Amino acid sequence: MEFLKSATILRKFYEENKQSEYIFSETDFETVLYPNLYRAAAKLACYVGLSNLKDVEIAILGRWSSFTIQAFIASCMTGCPSLCIDIWEEHSFGHMTKTKPSVLFIDSQSLRSNLDLSKYKSVKLLVINGQSQFSIICDAERIMYCDEIDNISNSLEQVWEIESTSNVQKVLTYGSTSGSTGAPKLIVYKNAVSIALLEFDNDIQPTLTGIFKLFKHFGFWESMAFLKGMMEKKFALGLNFNGFSMMSVVFALNTIPGKSKYILMNLFEKNWLEIVESYKANILVAYNPKLVELVAQEDFFTRDFSSVYGIISGGSYLCPDIYKTIRLKFGKHTNSNYFPIIQNVYAASEMGGVCLKNGIFEHEDFRAKSIGKIPIHGYKAEIRSPEGKILEPHEIGEIWIFSAQRMINYHHLMHEPSIEWFATGDSGYVDENGSFFIIGRLKETITLRNAVKINATSIEELLVHQELIWEVAVVFEQNKLAYDDIHIFVSSPDPQLAEIFCKNQLPETYNAILYVQKNHLVKLSNGKYDKKMLLKNINRSESC
């Protein structure tokens, strides 16, 4: 498998004249073609080079916008590592004390308060995009606005010269773990990218054989409706803003054949349903908790989502009952026995991308249970015992992944050898056909008062109810008697009835404490439930 420098691949996309459209919902639905993003990025990269800033660290503060993608591409062009930080998530700014950026790109149009960066003394160049009513305080040696950079000529030739001298072994960008149960860890990715990774053996291929298989599996009329709906591929992507997501958007999306539109929705925008409906998106990509929240909205059934033929879900385990609930609710819009097809994907920031995915030709009951197979190229997966023994099909152990696009290591462990195989922390098994199944998180094993051990996932599955229960999050902590106190957080349209339902479902031996509310549960910037905050809110209310 060939791995190229990120700048080489981005240039390849440009020379192929990729006509992918990027649509940014937060900036009044600004639409930009990839070649235009590339040319604008070249000017930013040239300016960094002309400022005699080589082999430095770059930080990009903003949200999903044309400018932040330009800044990322510019970083790749210069060969400088980049750190992408959601400007709304100030708790993530601390990562800059670790990477010590010399160049700072800020999209001021995303600001919602004054920004004081004076404590980051490493910054030498600050580049600001747009105007804002809020101020930015920074002790950079030089401050420039984007419109002052537009007059740079021969920028493409200059960045291609820079590309020829950059190193494939350098750092490309940084990501971070979610921080749902512990402090977020900074992740380091290598400047070596392959664009031939995400090919799966049970997906539709743009060939006559692939189309024949589609008609055979779904029938004539369903297949015709699907092909008509997918004539113009429109992806609505609800993603958090970091280096991991940026890599996926800039590299993976450009490998999709033909012309596509990518509507980039920041994770906590309130108008997702309106965006998906108005743009008639075909494919919705979202984290599982967000999907659960979307189908619980009061206006879900009054809108038109008949264009949605596929949903790609990930970020956490999606149990079969919740899978079917989401499928049935969207299915009322498509009036289809098959569509939208929901594909569970299994990924982790440490692995640098999707490592397991269901194929569309699997039976729906099977797709609801399995997290899928590994891609044809570049990946391996195993089930191992605690002692490291590779287990046979259907034996339960920990899922281990070898990913071609994996991280180098965590930032604080860069002095140690690079990661090879990665222990995911998920308990599961594989069947004889190579499909993987999750049981739950190993670190979410709960010890009951009678010493029996259960998993938090099994509790969440007990409390699924299509109409009554919106969301469930299980948090536990060990008490002084060496077993776990179980706290169960539930959101529901009818908290009183939901509490009765939950109490009837839960065995007495769990001795669980219920918290039922009408508001949706608090989430992290990546869409996962913020379990630390849920527990903290309990302790705060008990101390009052």
Protein backbone atom coordinates (compact mmCIF):
# COMPACT_ATOMS: atom_id res chain seq x y z
CA MET A 1 0.00 0.00 0.00
CA GLU A 2 1.36 3.40 -1.00
CA PHE A 3 1.55 6.19 1.56
CA LEU A 4 2.11 9.74 0.31
CA LYS A 5 2.74 13.08 1.96
CA SER A 6 -0.52 14.89 2.70
CA ALA A 7 0.52 17.80 0.46
CA THR A 8 1.14 15.41 -2.44
CA ILE A 9 -2.34 13.93 -2.14
CA LEU A 10 -3.98 17.35 -1.87
CA ARG A 11 -2.14 18.46 -5.01
CA LYS A 12 -3.30 15.28 -6.76
CA PHE A 13 -6.93 16.12 -5.90
CA TYR A 14 -6.38 19.64 -7.28
CA GLU A 15 -4.83 18.45 -10.52
CA GLU A 16 -7.70 16.01 -10.99
CA ASN A 17 -9.97 19.07 -10.68
CA LYS A 18 -12.12 17.54 -7.95
CA GLN A 19 -15.46 19.35 -8.08
CA SER A 20 -16.55 18.49 -4.55
CA GLU A 21 -18.68 21.24 -3.02
CA TYR A 22 -18.22 22.15 0.63
CA ILE A 23 -21.22 23.88 2.21
CA PHE A 24 -20.84 25.55 5.60
CA SER A 25 -24.14 25.90 7.41
CA GLU A 26 -22.87 28.20 10.15
CA THR A 27 -21.68 30.90 7.73
CA ASP A 28 -24.96 31.45 5.84
CA PHE A 29 -24.52 28.30 3.74
CA GLU A 30 -21.35 29.46 2.05
CA THR A 31 -20.50 27.07 -0.81
CA VAL A 32 -16.92 26.51 -2.00
CA LEU A 33 -15.43 24.12 -4.56
CA TYR A 34 -12.33 22.15 -3.60
CA PRO A 35 -10.04 23.81 -6.25
CA ASN A 36 -10.94 27.23 -4.81
CA LEU A 37 -10.17 26.05 -1.27
CA TYR A 38 -6.83 24.74 -2.49
CA ARG A 39 -5.82 27.98 -4.23
CA ALA A 40 -6.82 30.09 -1.21
CA ALA A 41 -4.84 27.74 1.05
CA ALA A 42 -1.77 28.17 -1.16
CA LYS A 43 -1.73 31.90 -0.42
CA LEU A 44 -1.88 31.26 3.33
CA ALA A 45 0.92 28.71 3.05
CA CYS A 46 3.07 31.11 1.01
CA TYR A 47 2.62 33.85 3.56
CA VAL A 48 3.79 31.54 6.34
CA GLY A 49 6.80 30.63 4.21
CA LEU A 50 7.59 34.27 3.38
CA SER A 51 7.50 35.01 7.12
CA ASN A 52 10.51 32.69 7.52
CA LEU A 53 8.49 30.31 9.68
CA LYS A 54 9.60 26.80 8.77
CA ASP A 55 9.29 23.59 10.74
CA VAL A 56 6.98 25.27 13.27
CA GLU A 57 3.71 24.27 14.91
CA ILE A 58 0.39 25.73 13.73
CA ALA A 59 -2.89 26.08 15.63
CA ILE A 60 -6.27 26.65 13.93
CA LEU A 61 -9.04 28.15 16.08
CA GLY A 62 -12.53 28.17 14.62
CA ARG A 63 -15.34 25.88 13.62
CA TRP A 64 -16.32 24.31 10.30
CA SER A 65 -15.82 27.03 7.66
CA SER A 66 -13.99 27.51 4.38
CA PHE A 67 -11.25 29.38 6.22
CA THR A 68 -10.48 26.61 8.72
CA ILE A 69 -10.22 24.04 5.90
CA GLN A 70 -7.97 26.43 3.97
CA ALA A 71 -5.78 26.80 7.07
CA PHE A 72 -5.53 23.01 7.45
CA ILE A 73 -4.61 22.54 3.78
CA ALA A 74 -2.06 25.37 4.13
CA SER A 75 -0.51 23.55 7.09
CA CYS A 76 -0.19 20.39 4.99
CA MET A 77 1.42 22.41 2.18
CA THR A 78 4.06 23.86 4.51
CA GLY A 79 4.71 20.51 6.18
CA CYS A 80 3.94 22.10 9.55
CA PRO A 81 1.90 20.13 12.13
CA SER A 82 -1.54 21.59 12.87
CA LEU A 83 -3.74 21.58 15.95
CA CYS A 84 -7.45 22.21 15.24
CA ILE A 85 -9.43 23.60 18.18
CA ASP A 86 -13.14 24.37 18.34
CA ILE A 87 -13.21 28.04 19.32
CA TRP A 88 -16.33 27.41 21.42
CA GLU A 89 -14.52 24.81 23.53
CA GLU A 90 -12.10 26.91 25.59
CA HIS A 91 -11.19 23.93 27.78
CA SER A 92 -9.37 22.55 24.71
CA PHE A 93 -7.11 25.61 24.42
CA GLY A 94 -4.76 24.01 26.94
CA HIS A 95 -3.49 21.72 24.18
CA MET A 96 -1.61 24.76 22.83
CA THR A 97 0.62 24.72 25.91
CA LYS A 98 1.78 21.27 24.74
CA THR A 99 2.29 21.95 21.02
CA LYS A 100 3.52 25.58 21.45
CA PRO A 101 2.33 26.94 18.08
CA SER A 102 4.29 29.70 16.35
CA VAL A 103 1.48 30.38 13.85
CA LEU A 104 -2.13 30.93 14.84
CA PHE A 105 -5.04 30.99 12.34
CA ILE A 106 -8.27 32.34 13.84
CA ASP A 107 -11.71 32.48 12.21
CA SER A 108 -13.07 35.50 14.09
CA GLN A 109 -16.55 35.00 12.62
CA SER A 110 -17.00 32.04 14.99
CA LEU A 111 -16.26 34.08 18.12
CA ARG A 112 -19.03 34.53 20.66
CA SER A 113 -16.95 36.28 23.34
CA ASN A 114 -13.66 38.14 23.69
CA LEU A 115 -10.61 35.93 23.27
CA ASP A 116 -7.50 36.38 25.41
CA LEU A 117 -4.51 34.42 24.08
CA SER A 118 -1.81 36.50 25.74
CA LYS A 119 -0.57 33.57 27.81
CA TYR A 120 0.52 31.64 24.70
CA LYS A 121 3.93 33.25 24.32
CA SER A 122 5.10 30.96 21.50
CA VAL A 123 2.85 32.67 18.90
CA LYS A 124 4.85 34.77 16.42
CA LEU A 125 2.31 35.16 13.61
CA LEU A 126 -1.46 35.64 14.03
CA VAL A 127 -3.64 35.44 10.89
CA ILE A 128 -7.26 36.54 11.37
CA ASN A 129 -10.15 35.83 9.02
CA GLY A 130 -13.19 38.13 8.92
CA GLN A 131 -14.51 40.79 11.23
CA SER A 132 -16.07 40.36 14.66
CA GLN A 133 -17.60 42.49 17.39
CA PHE A 134 -15.37 40.61 19.83
CA SER A 135 -11.72 41.40 20.47
CA ILE A 136 -8.69 39.13 20.26
CA ILE A 137 -5.78 39.76 22.63
CA CYS A 138 -2.51 38.20 21.52
CA ASP A 139 1.17 39.12 21.93
CA ALA A 140 2.16 37.85 18.48
CA GLU A 141 5.04 39.66 16.75
CA ARG A 142 2.96 40.04 13.61
CA ILE A 143 -0.82 40.22 13.10
CA MET A 144 -2.33 39.97 9.61
CA TYR A 145 -5.84 39.82 8.15
CA CYS A 146 -6.66 37.44 5.32
CA ASP A 147 -7.62 40.16 2.83
CA GLU A 148 -4.06 41.53 3.15
CA ILE A 149 -2.68 38.21 1.89
CA ASP A 150 -4.81 37.93 -1.29
CA ASN A 151 -2.26 39.72 -3.51
CA ILE A 152 0.42 36.99 -3.30
CA SER A 153 1.26 35.83 -6.83
CA ASN A 154 2.62 32.47 -8.05
CA SER A 155 1.44 30.89 -4.80
CA LEU A 156 0.83 27.44 -6.34
CA GLU A 157 4.34 27.20 -7.76
CA GLN A 158 5.79 28.27 -4.42
CA VAL A 159 3.87 25.73 -2.34
CA TRP A 160 4.72 22.95 -4.77
CA GLU A 161 8.36 23.82 -4.24
CA ILE A 162 7.80 23.62 -0.46
CA GLU A 163 6.04 20.28 -0.92
CA SER A 164 9.08 18.76 -2.60
CA THR A 165 11.16 19.35 0.55
CA SER A 166 8.67 18.25 3.23
CA ASN A 167 9.03 14.93 5.02
CA VAL A 168 6.51 12.08 5.01
CA GLN A 169 7.68 10.99 8.48
CA LYS A 170 6.83 14.30 10.13
CA VAL A 171 3.74 15.02 12.21
CA LEU A 172 0.64 15.93 10.16
CA THR A 173 -1.88 16.96 12.80
CA TYR A 174 -3.21 16.32 16.30
CA GLY A 175 -6.45 14.89 17.60
CA SER A 176 -7.67 14.18 21.11
CA THR A 177 -9.61 11.58 23.02
CA SER A 178 -13.15 12.46 24.06
CA GLY A 179 -12.59 13.00 27.76
CA SER A 180 -15.96 11.38 28.54
CA THR A 181 -14.53 9.44 31.49
CA GLY A 182 -11.03 10.90 31.97
CA ALA A 183 -8.80 13.81 31.01
CA PRO A 184 -8.58 14.23 27.18
CA LYS A 185 -5.29 13.00 25.73
CA LEU A 186 -3.57 14.64 22.75
CA ILE A 187 -3.04 12.26 19.80
CA VAL A 188 -0.31 12.63 17.17
CA TYR A 189 -0.78 11.59 13.50
CA LYS A 190 1.96 11.02 10.93
CA ASN A 191 2.23 12.98 7.65
CA ALA A 192 1.77 9.77 5.66
CA VAL A 193 -1.64 9.28 4.10
CA SER A 194 -3.15 6.57 1.92
CA ILE A 195 -6.20 7.25 -0.22
CA ALA A 196 -6.98 3.57 -0.90
CA LEU A 197 -8.09 2.44 2.53
CA LEU A 198 -11.84 2.47 3.00
CA GLU A 199 -12.91 -0.22 0.55
CA PHE A 200 -15.28 -2.82 2.00
CA ASP A 201 -16.33 -6.11 0.42
CA ASN A 202 -20.07 -5.79 1.00
CA ASP A 203 -20.77 -2.23 -0.16
CA ILE A 204 -22.28 -1.09 -3.43
CA GLN A 205 -19.65 -0.48 -6.11
CA PRO A 206 -20.17 1.95 -9.05
CA THR A 207 -20.05 -0.92 -11.56
CA LEU A 208 -22.58 -2.96 -13.55
CA THR A 209 -22.02 -5.83 -11.11
CA GLY A 210 -22.69 -3.52 -8.19
CA ILE A 211 -25.92 -2.21 -9.73
CA PHE A 212 -27.06 -5.77 -10.55
CA LYS A 213 -26.45 -6.74 -6.92
CA LEU A 214 -28.47 -3.70 -5.80
CA PHE A 215 -31.50 -4.69 -7.92
CA LYS A 216 -31.25 -8.32 -6.84
CA HIS A 217 -31.17 -7.43 -3.15
CA PHE A 218 -33.69 -4.56 -2.96
CA GLY A 219 -35.95 -5.16 -5.96
CA PHE A 220 -36.57 -3.02 -9.04
CA TRP A 221 -38.66 -0.13 -7.68
CA GLU A 222 -36.75 0.32 -4.43
CA SER A 223 -33.44 0.26 -6.33
CA MET A 224 -34.68 2.76 -8.92
CA ALA A 225 -35.81 5.13 -6.17
CA PHE A 226 -32.42 4.76 -4.49
CA LEU A 227 -30.45 5.45 -7.69
CA LYS A 228 -32.65 8.44 -8.55
CA GLY A 229 -32.23 9.85 -5.06
CA MET A 230 -28.45 9.40 -5.23
CA MET A 231 -27.95 11.06 -8.63
CA GLU A 232 -26.39 13.99 -6.82
CA LYS A 233 -24.63 12.79 -3.69
CA LYS A 234 -25.35 15.16 -0.80
CA PHE A 235 -23.76 14.34 2.55
CA ALA A 236 -24.89 16.10 5.74
CA LEU A 237 -21.98 15.66 8.14
CA GLY A 238 -22.43 16.48 11.81
CA LEU A 239 -18.88 16.47 13.15
CA ASN A 240 -16.90 17.97 15.97
CA PHE A 241 -14.01 20.19 14.90
CA ASN A 242 -10.57 18.65 15.45
CA GLY A 243 -7.65 17.23 13.53
CA PHE A 244 -9.18 13.74 13.30
CA SER A 245 -12.40 15.06 11.72
CA MET A 246 -10.46 17.46 9.48
CA MET A 247 -8.35 14.59 8.09
CA SER A 248 -11.52 12.64 7.33
CA VAL A 249 -13.17 15.58 5.57
CA VAL A 250 -10.19 16.73 3.51
CA PHE A 251 -8.74 13.35 2.52
CA ALA A 252 -11.47 10.70 2.68
CA LEU A 253 -14.29 12.70 1.09
CA ASN A 254 -12.29 13.60 -2.01
CA THR A 255 -11.85 9.90 -2.79
CA ILE A 256 -15.61 9.46 -3.38
CA PRO A 257 -16.17 9.13 -7.16
CA GLY A 258 -18.01 11.87 -9.03
CA LYS A 259 -19.33 15.21 -7.87
CA SER A 260 -20.57 15.38 -4.30
CA LYS A 261 -21.85 18.04 -1.91
CA TYR A 262 -20.73 18.04 1.71
CA ILE A 263 -22.84 20.04 4.15
CA LEU A 264 -20.68 20.51 7.23
CA MET A 265 -22.77 21.00 10.36
CA ASN A 266 -21.11 21.89 13.64
CA LEU A 267 -22.08 19.41 16.30
CA PHE A 268 -24.22 21.64 18.50
CA GLU A 269 -26.06 23.66 15.88
CA LYS A 270 -29.75 23.73 16.73
CA ASN A 271 -31.11 23.56 13.16
CA TRP A 272 -29.86 20.19 11.93
CA LEU A 273 -33.33 19.02 10.88
CA GLU A 274 -33.92 22.21 8.90
CA ILE A 275 -30.54 21.84 7.15
CA VAL A 276 -31.02 18.18 6.21
CA GLU A 277 -34.53 18.91 4.92
CA SER A 278 -33.76 22.08 2.97
CA TYR A 279 -30.71 20.58 1.22
CA LYS A 280 -32.42 17.22 0.65
CA ALA A 281 -29.40 15.35 1.95
CA ASN A 282 -29.04 11.73 0.83
CA ILE A 283 -26.52 10.58 3.44
CA LEU A 284 -26.57 11.69 7.08
CA VAL A 285 -23.36 11.17 9.08
CA ALA A 286 -23.71 11.66 12.84
CA TYR A 287 -22.71 10.39 16.25
CA ASN A 288 -25.20 7.97 17.80
CA PRO A 289 -26.37 10.19 20.70
CA LYS A 290 -27.12 12.98 18.20
CA LEU A 291 -29.22 10.64 16.05
CA VAL A 292 -31.24 9.65 19.11
CA GLU A 293 -31.73 13.33 19.92
CA LEU A 294 -32.77 14.17 16.33
CA VAL A 295 -35.55 11.58 16.05
CA ALA A 296 -36.89 12.77 19.43
CA GLN A 297 -37.47 16.34 18.18
CA GLU A 298 -41.10 17.44 18.21
CA ASP A 299 -41.05 18.48 14.55
CA PHE A 300 -39.32 15.33 13.25
CA PHE A 301 -42.44 13.91 11.60
CA THR A 302 -43.70 17.25 10.26
CA ARG A 303 -40.59 17.67 8.11
CA ASP A 304 -39.66 15.89 4.88
CA PHE A 305 -36.69 13.51 5.07
CA SER A 306 -37.69 11.33 2.11
CA SER A 307 -34.33 12.13 0.47
CA VAL A 308 -32.33 10.38 3.23
CA TYR A 309 -31.32 6.97 1.86
CA GLY A 310 -28.38 6.27 4.12
CA ILE A 311 -27.28 6.99 7.69
CA ILE A 312 -23.73 6.40 8.90
CA SER A 313 -23.61 6.27 12.69
CA GLY A 314 -20.71 5.94 15.07
CA GLY A 315 -19.04 7.37 18.14
CA SER A 316 -20.48 4.86 20.57
CA TYR A 317 -22.29 1.53 20.63
CA LEU A 318 -25.74 1.63 19.03
CA CYS A 319 -27.78 -1.20 20.51
CA PRO A 320 -30.15 -3.13 18.17
CA ASP A 321 -33.38 -1.72 19.62
CA ILE A 322 -32.23 1.90 19.25
CA TYR A 323 -30.96 1.07 15.73
CA LYS A 324 -34.42 -0.18 14.77
CA THR A 325 -36.13 2.82 16.37
CA ILE A 326 -34.06 5.25 14.28
CA ARG A 327 -34.58 3.16 11.14
CA LEU A 328 -38.37 3.01 11.62
CA LYS A 329 -38.72 6.73 12.30
CA PHE A 330 -36.73 7.73 9.21
CA GLY A 331 -38.47 4.94 7.26
CA LYS A 332 -41.82 6.72 7.72
CA HIS A 333 -40.39 9.49 5.54
CA THR A 334 -38.99 7.25 2.78
CA ASN A 335 -42.00 4.88 2.73
CA SER A 336 -39.49 2.11 2.09
CA ASN A 337 -39.00 -1.40 3.41
CA TYR A 338 -35.22 -1.00 3.19
CA PHE A 339 -34.19 2.66 3.22
CA PRO A 340 -32.61 4.51 4.82
CA ILE A 341 -29.91 1.94 5.40
CA ILE A 342 -28.13 2.55 8.70
CA GLN A 343 -24.49 1.52 8.69
CA ASN A 344 -22.79 1.14 12.05
CA VAL A 345 -19.16 2.22 11.82
CA TYR A 346 -16.47 1.54 14.39
CA ALA A 347 -13.72 4.10 14.74
CA ALA A 348 -11.51 5.71 17.33
CA SER A 349 -9.34 8.80 17.23
CA GLU A 350 -6.30 6.64 18.02
CA MET A 351 -6.92 4.54 14.92
CA GLY A 352 -7.20 7.54 12.61
CA GLY A 353 -10.45 6.62 10.93
CA VAL A 354 -13.15 4.02 10.31
CA CYS A 355 -11.86 0.50 11.01
CA LEU A 356 -15.05 -1.56 10.86
CA LYS A 357 -18.26 -0.97 8.92
CA ASN A 358 -21.40 -2.85 7.95
CA GLY A 359 -22.11 -3.46 4.29
CA ILE A 360 -25.42 -2.37 2.81
CA PHE A 361 -26.25 -5.87 1.56
CA GLU A 362 -26.31 -7.42 5.03
CA HIS A 363 -29.75 -8.26 6.43
CA GLU A 364 -31.10 -5.40 8.54
CA ASP A 365 -31.37 -7.56 11.68
CA PHE A 366 -27.69 -8.42 11.25
CA ARG A 367 -26.66 -4.78 10.66
CA ALA A 368 -28.48 -3.82 13.85
CA LYS A 369 -26.27 -6.15 15.90
CA SER A 370 -22.87 -6.11 14.20
CA ILE A 371 -20.30 -3.31 13.92
CA GLY A 372 -19.15 -4.84 10.64
CA LYS A 373 -15.94 -6.01 9.01
CA ILE A 374 -12.53 -4.45 8.46
CA PRO A 375 -11.71 -2.83 5.08
CA ILE A 376 -10.13 -4.97 2.37
CA HIS A 377 -6.79 -3.15 2.61
CA GLY A 378 -4.63 -1.86 5.43
CA TYR A 379 -6.41 -3.18 8.52
CA LYS A 380 -6.40 -6.21 10.80
CA ALA A 381 -8.62 -7.02 13.78
CA GLU A 382 -8.51 -9.70 16.46
CA ILE A 383 -10.23 -10.75 19.66
CA ARG A 384 -7.71 -11.33 22.47
CA SER A 385 -7.92 -12.71 25.97
CA PRO A 386 -6.54 -10.72 28.95
CA GLU A 387 -3.38 -12.83 28.59
CA GLY A 388 -2.99 -11.82 24.92
CA LYS A 389 -4.17 -15.10 23.35
CA ILE A 390 -5.99 -14.72 20.01
CA LEU A 391 -9.48 -16.16 20.53
CA GLU A 392 -11.60 -18.28 18.23
CA PRO A 393 -14.90 -17.13 16.64
CA HIS A 394 -17.66 -16.40 19.19
CA GLU A 395 -15.23 -16.37 22.13
CA ILE A 396 -15.55 -13.09 24.06
CA GLY A 397 -12.48 -10.94 24.65
CA GLU A 398 -11.07 -7.49 23.89
CA ILE A 399 -11.13 -6.09 20.35
CA TRP A 400 -7.63 -5.24 19.05
CA ILE A 401 -7.13 -3.26 15.82
CA PHE A 402 -4.19 -2.71 13.50
CA SER A 403 -4.97 0.40 11.46
CA ALA A 404 -2.94 1.67 8.52
CA GLN A 405 -3.93 5.21 9.46
CA ARG A 406 -3.26 4.88 13.19
CA MET A 407 -1.71 7.53 15.41
CA ILE A 408 2.04 7.63 16.05
CA ASN A 409 1.34 7.75 19.78
CA TYR A 410 -0.19 9.94 22.46
CA HIS A 411 1.63 13.28 22.73
CA HIS A 412 2.90 12.56 26.24
CA LEU A 413 4.29 9.18 25.06
CA MET A 414 6.08 10.36 21.91
CA HIS A 415 9.38 9.34 23.51
CA GLU A 416 8.19 5.71 23.38
CA PRO A 417 7.99 3.43 20.29
CA SER A 418 5.16 4.04 17.81
CA ILE A 419 1.85 2.27 18.35
CA GLU A 420 1.28 -0.87 16.27
CA TRP A 421 -1.76 -2.85 17.46
CA PHE A 422 -4.28 -0.88 19.52
CA ALA A 423 -6.28 -2.28 22.43
CA THR A 424 -9.71 -0.68 22.00
CA GLY A 425 -11.03 -1.31 25.51
CA ASP A 426 -14.21 -2.84 24.03
CA SER A 427 -15.38 -6.33 24.86
CA GLY A 428 -16.75 -8.33 21.94
CA TYR A 429 -16.41 -11.28 19.60
CA VAL A 430 -16.04 -12.10 15.90
CA ASP A 431 -18.08 -14.66 13.95
CA GLU A 432 -16.78 -17.19 11.42
CA ASN A 433 -17.35 -14.69 8.55
CA GLY A 434 -15.20 -11.94 10.07
CA SER A 435 -18.04 -9.73 11.36
CA PHE A 436 -17.45 -8.15 14.77
CA PHE A 437 -19.92 -7.62 17.64
CA ILE A 438 -19.62 -5.45 20.76
CA ILE A 439 -20.65 -6.54 24.25
CA GLY A 440 -19.65 -3.31 26.00
CA ARG A 441 -16.76 -1.26 27.34
CA LEU A 442 -14.34 -3.22 29.52
CA LYS A 443 -13.95 -0.28 31.88
CA GLU A 444 -17.74 -0.08 32.20
CA THR A 445 -17.99 -3.41 34.00
CA ILE A 446 -20.14 -2.90 37.09
CA THR A 447 -19.88 -4.92 40.30
CA LEU A 448 -23.22 -5.40 42.05
CA ARG A 449 -23.76 -5.78 45.79
CA ASN A 450 -24.06 -9.58 45.34
CA ALA A 451 -20.62 -9.58 43.53
CA VAL A 452 -22.22 -10.33 40.14
CA LYS A 453 -20.61 -8.35 37.30
CA ILE A 454 -22.65 -6.68 34.53
CA ASN A 455 -21.88 -4.11 31.82
CA ALA A 456 -23.31 -0.60 31.59
CA THR A 457 -24.37 -1.34 28.00
CA SER A 458 -26.69 -4.13 29.17
CA ILE A 459 -28.50 -1.63 31.43
CA GLU A 460 -28.93 0.84 28.58
CA GLU A 461 -30.43 -1.92 26.42
CA LEU A 462 -32.96 -2.76 29.16
CA LEU A 463 -34.38 0.76 29.03
CA VAL A 464 -35.03 1.14 25.32
CA HIS A 465 -38.57 2.29 24.53
CA GLN A 466 -39.41 3.71 21.09
CA GLU A 467 -41.74 6.49 22.29
CA LEU A 468 -41.09 6.92 26.01
CA ILE A 469 -37.29 6.97 26.32
CA TRP A 470 -35.10 9.41 24.40
CA GLU A 471 -31.66 8.92 25.91
CA VAL A 472 -30.00 6.75 28.55
CA ALA A 473 -26.56 7.17 30.13
CA VAL A 474 -25.24 4.91 32.89
CA VAL A 475 -22.59 6.20 35.30
CA PHE A 476 -21.19 4.21 38.20
CA GLU A 477 -18.66 4.69 40.98
CA GLN A 478 -17.27 2.35 43.58
CA ASN A 479 -18.47 2.90 47.13
CA LYS A 480 -16.79 2.15 50.47
CA LEU A 481 -18.20 -1.39 50.47
CA ALA A 482 -16.29 -2.26 47.24
CA TYR A 483 -19.32 -2.58 44.96
CA ASP A 484 -20.63 0.04 42.54
CA ASP A 485 -23.36 2.63 42.99
CA ILE A 486 -25.26 2.85 39.69
CA HIS A 487 -26.63 6.22 38.49
CA ILE A 488 -28.93 6.10 35.47
CA PHE A 489 -29.73 9.31 33.59
CA VAL A 490 -32.74 9.33 31.30
CA SER A 491 -34.36 11.96 29.09
CA SER A 492 -38.01 11.48 28.16
CA PRO A 493 -41.03 13.38 26.79
CA ASP A 494 -42.93 12.14 29.87
CA PRO A 495 -40.54 11.85 32.86
CA GLN A 496 -43.21 10.49 35.23
CA LEU A 497 -44.20 7.57 32.99
CA ALA A 498 -40.55 7.00 32.06
CA GLU A 499 -39.60 6.60 35.72
CA ILE A 500 -42.33 3.97 36.22
CA PHE A 501 -41.18 2.11 33.09
CA CYS A 502 -37.52 2.15 34.16
CA LYS A 503 -38.26 0.92 37.68
CA ASN A 504 -40.27 -1.97 36.25
CA GLN A 505 -37.44 -2.89 33.88
CA LEU A 506 -34.55 -2.74 36.33
CA PRO A 507 -33.85 -5.74 38.60
CA GLU A 508 -33.86 -4.94 42.32
CA THR A 509 -30.33 -6.32 42.63
CA TYR A 510 -29.04 -3.32 40.62
CA ASN A 511 -30.13 -0.95 43.40
CA ALA A 512 -29.91 1.80 40.76
CA ILE A 513 -30.54 5.51 41.35
CA LEU A 514 -32.70 7.06 38.60
CA TYR A 515 -32.57 10.65 37.30
CA VAL A 516 -35.29 11.30 34.73
CA GLN A 517 -35.61 14.66 32.96
CA LYS A 518 -37.33 16.25 30.00
CA ASN A 519 -34.23 18.08 28.74
CA HIS A 520 -31.70 16.20 26.63
CA LEU A 521 -28.64 14.91 28.48
CA VAL A 522 -25.50 17.04 28.52
CA LYS A 523 -22.94 16.06 25.87
CA LEU A 524 -19.29 16.64 25.09
CA SER A 525 -18.10 18.52 22.00
CA ASN A 526 -17.78 15.17 20.19
CA GLY A 527 -21.43 14.25 20.82
CA LYS A 528 -20.87 11.62 23.50
CA TYR A 529 -22.61 11.91 26.85
CA ASP A 530 -20.57 13.94 29.33
CA LYS A 531 -20.65 11.37 32.12
CA LYS A 532 -18.23 13.29 34.30
CA MET A 533 -20.52 16.33 34.20
CA LEU A 534 -23.64 14.23 34.86
CA LEU A 535 -22.00 12.80 37.97
CA LYS A 536 -20.63 16.18 38.99
CA ASN A 537 -24.12 17.71 38.80
CA ILE A 538 -25.39 15.03 41.20
CA ASN A 539 -22.67 15.70 43.72
CA ARG A 540 -23.21 19.45 43.43
CA SER A 541 -26.97 19.16 44.05
CA GLU A 542 -26.42 16.81 47.00
CA SER A 543 -23.99 19.24 48.64
CA CYS A 544 -26.43 22.16 48.38
